[in-house]
């Protein structure tokens, strides 16, 4: 009983870690995309001037 519970707990921890990693990489990606987009907008504005 204790063995399976420990197994379930460690698996849950692993899944949570994976989800956290995915989420943080998603946030990083979003940040990169938004900064890239704003940089493009910034370049466009400079070109127009």
N, C-alpha and C. Protein backbone atom coordinates (compact mmCIF):
# COMPACT_ATOMS: atom_id res chain seq x y z
N UNK A 1 0.83 -1.21 0.00
CA UNK A 1 0.00 0.00 0.00
C UNK A 1 0.87 1.26 0.00
N UNK A 2 1.80 1.31 0.94
CA UNK A 2 2.67 2.48 1.02
C UNK A 2 3.51 2.63 -0.26
N UNK A 3 3.91 1.48 -0.80
CA UNK A 3 4.74 1.49 -2.01
C UNK A 3 3.99 2.13 -3.18
N UNK A 4 2.74 1.70 -3.37
CA UNK A 4 1.97 2.25 -4.49
C UNK A 4 1.69 3.73 -4.26
N UNK A 5 1.42 4.11 -3.02
CA UNK A 5 1.14 5.51 -2.72
C UNK A 5 2.36 6.36 -3.03
N UNK A 6 3.53 5.86 -2.62
CA UNK A 6 4.77 6.58 -2.93
C UNK A 6 4.98 6.68 -4.43
N UNK A 7 4.67 5.61 -5.14
CA UNK A 7 4.81 5.59 -6.60
C UNK A 7 3.89 6.63 -7.24
N UNK A 8 2.64 6.65 -6.76
CA UNK A 8 1.67 7.61 -7.28
C UNK A 8 2.13 9.04 -6.99
N UNK A 9 2.62 9.24 -5.77
CA UNK A 9 3.07 10.58 -5.39
C UNK A 9 4.23 11.03 -6.25
N UNK A 10 5.21 10.16 -6.49
CA UNK A 10 6.36 10.56 -7.29
C UNK A 10 5.94 10.81 -8.74
N UNK A 11 5.02 9.99 -9.25
CA UNK A 11 4.52 10.21 -10.60
C UNK A 11 3.81 11.55 -10.71
N UNK A 12 3.01 11.87 -9.69
CA UNK A 12 2.30 13.15 -9.70
C UNK A 12 3.30 14.29 -9.70
N UNK A 13 4.35 14.16 -8.91
CA UNK A 13 5.39 15.20 -8.87
C UNK A 13 6.03 15.36 -10.25
N UNK A 14 6.33 14.25 -10.90
CA UNK A 14 6.93 14.29 -12.22
C UNK A 14 6.00 14.99 -13.21
N UNK A 15 4.73 14.63 -13.16
CA UNK A 15 3.76 15.25 -14.07
C UNK A 15 3.67 16.75 -13.79
N UNK A 16 3.63 17.12 -12.52
CA UNK A 16 3.55 18.54 -12.17
C UNK A 16 4.78 19.28 -12.67
N UNK A 17 5.95 18.65 -12.53
CA UNK A 17 7.18 19.27 -13.03
C UNK A 17 7.11 19.47 -14.53
N UNK A 18 6.65 18.46 -15.23
CA UNK A 18 6.54 18.56 -16.69
C UNK A 18 5.59 19.66 -17.09
N UNK A 19 4.45 19.72 -16.42
CA UNK A 19 3.46 20.76 -16.71
C UNK A 19 4.06 22.13 -16.44
N UNK A 20 4.78 22.24 -15.32
CA UNK A 20 5.41 23.51 -14.97
C UNK A 20 6.42 23.91 -16.03
N UNK A 21 7.23 22.95 -16.49
CA UNK A 21 8.22 23.23 -17.53
C UNK A 21 7.53 23.67 -18.81
N UNK A 22 6.49 22.96 -19.19
CA UNK A 22 5.74 23.32 -20.40
C UNK A 22 5.17 24.72 -20.27
N UNK A 23 4.60 24.99 -19.10
CA UNK A 23 3.98 26.29 -18.88
C UNK A 23 5.01 27.41 -18.94
N UNK A 24 6.15 27.20 -18.31
CA UNK A 24 7.19 28.24 -18.31
C UNK A 24 7.76 28.44 -19.71
N UNK A 25 7.92 27.35 -20.46
CA UNK A 25 8.42 27.51 -21.83
C UNK A 25 7.37 28.20 -22.69
N UNK A 26 6.10 27.92 -22.41
CA UNK A 26 5.03 28.61 -23.13
C UNK A 26 5.07 30.11 -22.83
N UNK A 27 5.29 30.46 -21.56
CA UNK A 27 5.39 31.86 -21.18
C UNK A 27 6.60 32.51 -21.85
N UNK A 28 7.73 31.80 -21.87
CA UNK A 28 8.92 32.33 -22.53
C UNK A 28 8.66 32.56 -24.00
N UNK A 29 7.99 31.60 -24.63
CA UNK A 29 7.66 31.71 -26.04
C UNK A 29 6.77 32.93 -26.28
N UNK A 30 5.77 33.07 -25.44
CA UNK A 30 4.85 34.20 -25.57
C UNK A 30 5.62 35.51 -25.41
N UNK A 31 6.52 35.56 -24.44
CA UNK A 31 7.32 36.75 -24.21
C UNK A 31 8.18 37.06 -25.44
N UNK A 32 8.82 36.02 -25.99
CA UNK A 32 9.64 36.20 -27.18
C UNK A 32 8.81 36.71 -28.35
N UNK A 33 7.64 36.11 -28.53
CA UNK A 33 6.78 36.53 -29.64
C UNK A 33 6.34 37.98 -29.47
N UNK A 34 5.91 38.34 -28.27
CA UNK A 34 5.45 39.71 -28.06
C UNK A 34 6.59 40.70 -28.20
N UNK A 35 7.76 40.37 -27.66
CA UNK A 35 8.90 41.29 -27.78
C UNK A 35 9.34 41.40 -29.24
N UNK A 36 9.29 40.27 -29.96
CA UNK A 36 9.64 40.28 -31.39
C UNK A 36 8.65 41.16 -32.15
N UNK A 37 7.39 41.00 -31.83
CA UNK A 37 6.36 41.78 -32.50
C UNK A 37 6.53 43.27 -32.22
N UNK A 38 6.76 43.62 -30.96
CA UNK A 38 6.94 45.03 -30.62
C UNK A 38 8.21 45.58 -31.26
N UNK A 39 9.24 44.74 -31.37
CA UNK A 39 10.47 45.16 -32.02
C UNK A 39 10.22 45.44 -33.50
N UNK A 40 9.41 44.58 -34.15
CA UNK A 40 9.05 44.79 -35.55
C UNK A 40 8.27 46.09 -35.70
N UNK A 41 7.35 46.33 -34.78
CA UNK A 41 6.58 47.57 -34.83
C UNK A 41 7.51 48.77 -34.68
N UNK A 42 8.45 48.65 -33.76
CA UNK A 42 9.42 49.71 -33.51
C UNK A 42 10.24 49.98 -34.77
N UNK A 43 10.69 48.94 -35.45
CA UNK A 43 11.45 49.10 -36.69
C UNK A 43 10.60 49.77 -37.77
N UNK A 44 9.36 49.34 -37.87
CA UNK A 44 8.46 49.93 -38.87
C UNK A 44 8.33 51.43 -38.63
N UNK A 45 8.13 51.80 -37.37
CA UNK A 45 7.98 53.22 -37.04
C UNK A 45 9.25 53.99 -37.41
N UNK A 46 10.39 53.40 -37.14
CA UNK A 46 11.65 54.08 -37.46
C UNK A 46 11.82 54.22 -38.97
N UNK A 47 11.40 53.21 -39.71
CA UNK A 47 11.52 53.27 -41.17
C UNK A 47 10.64 54.38 -41.74
N UNK A 48 9.46 54.55 -41.14
CA UNK A 48 8.52 55.54 -41.66
C UNK A 48 9.01 56.96 -41.43
N UNK A 49 9.75 57.14 -40.36
CA UNK A 49 10.23 58.50 -40.02
C UNK A 49 11.26 58.98 -41.05
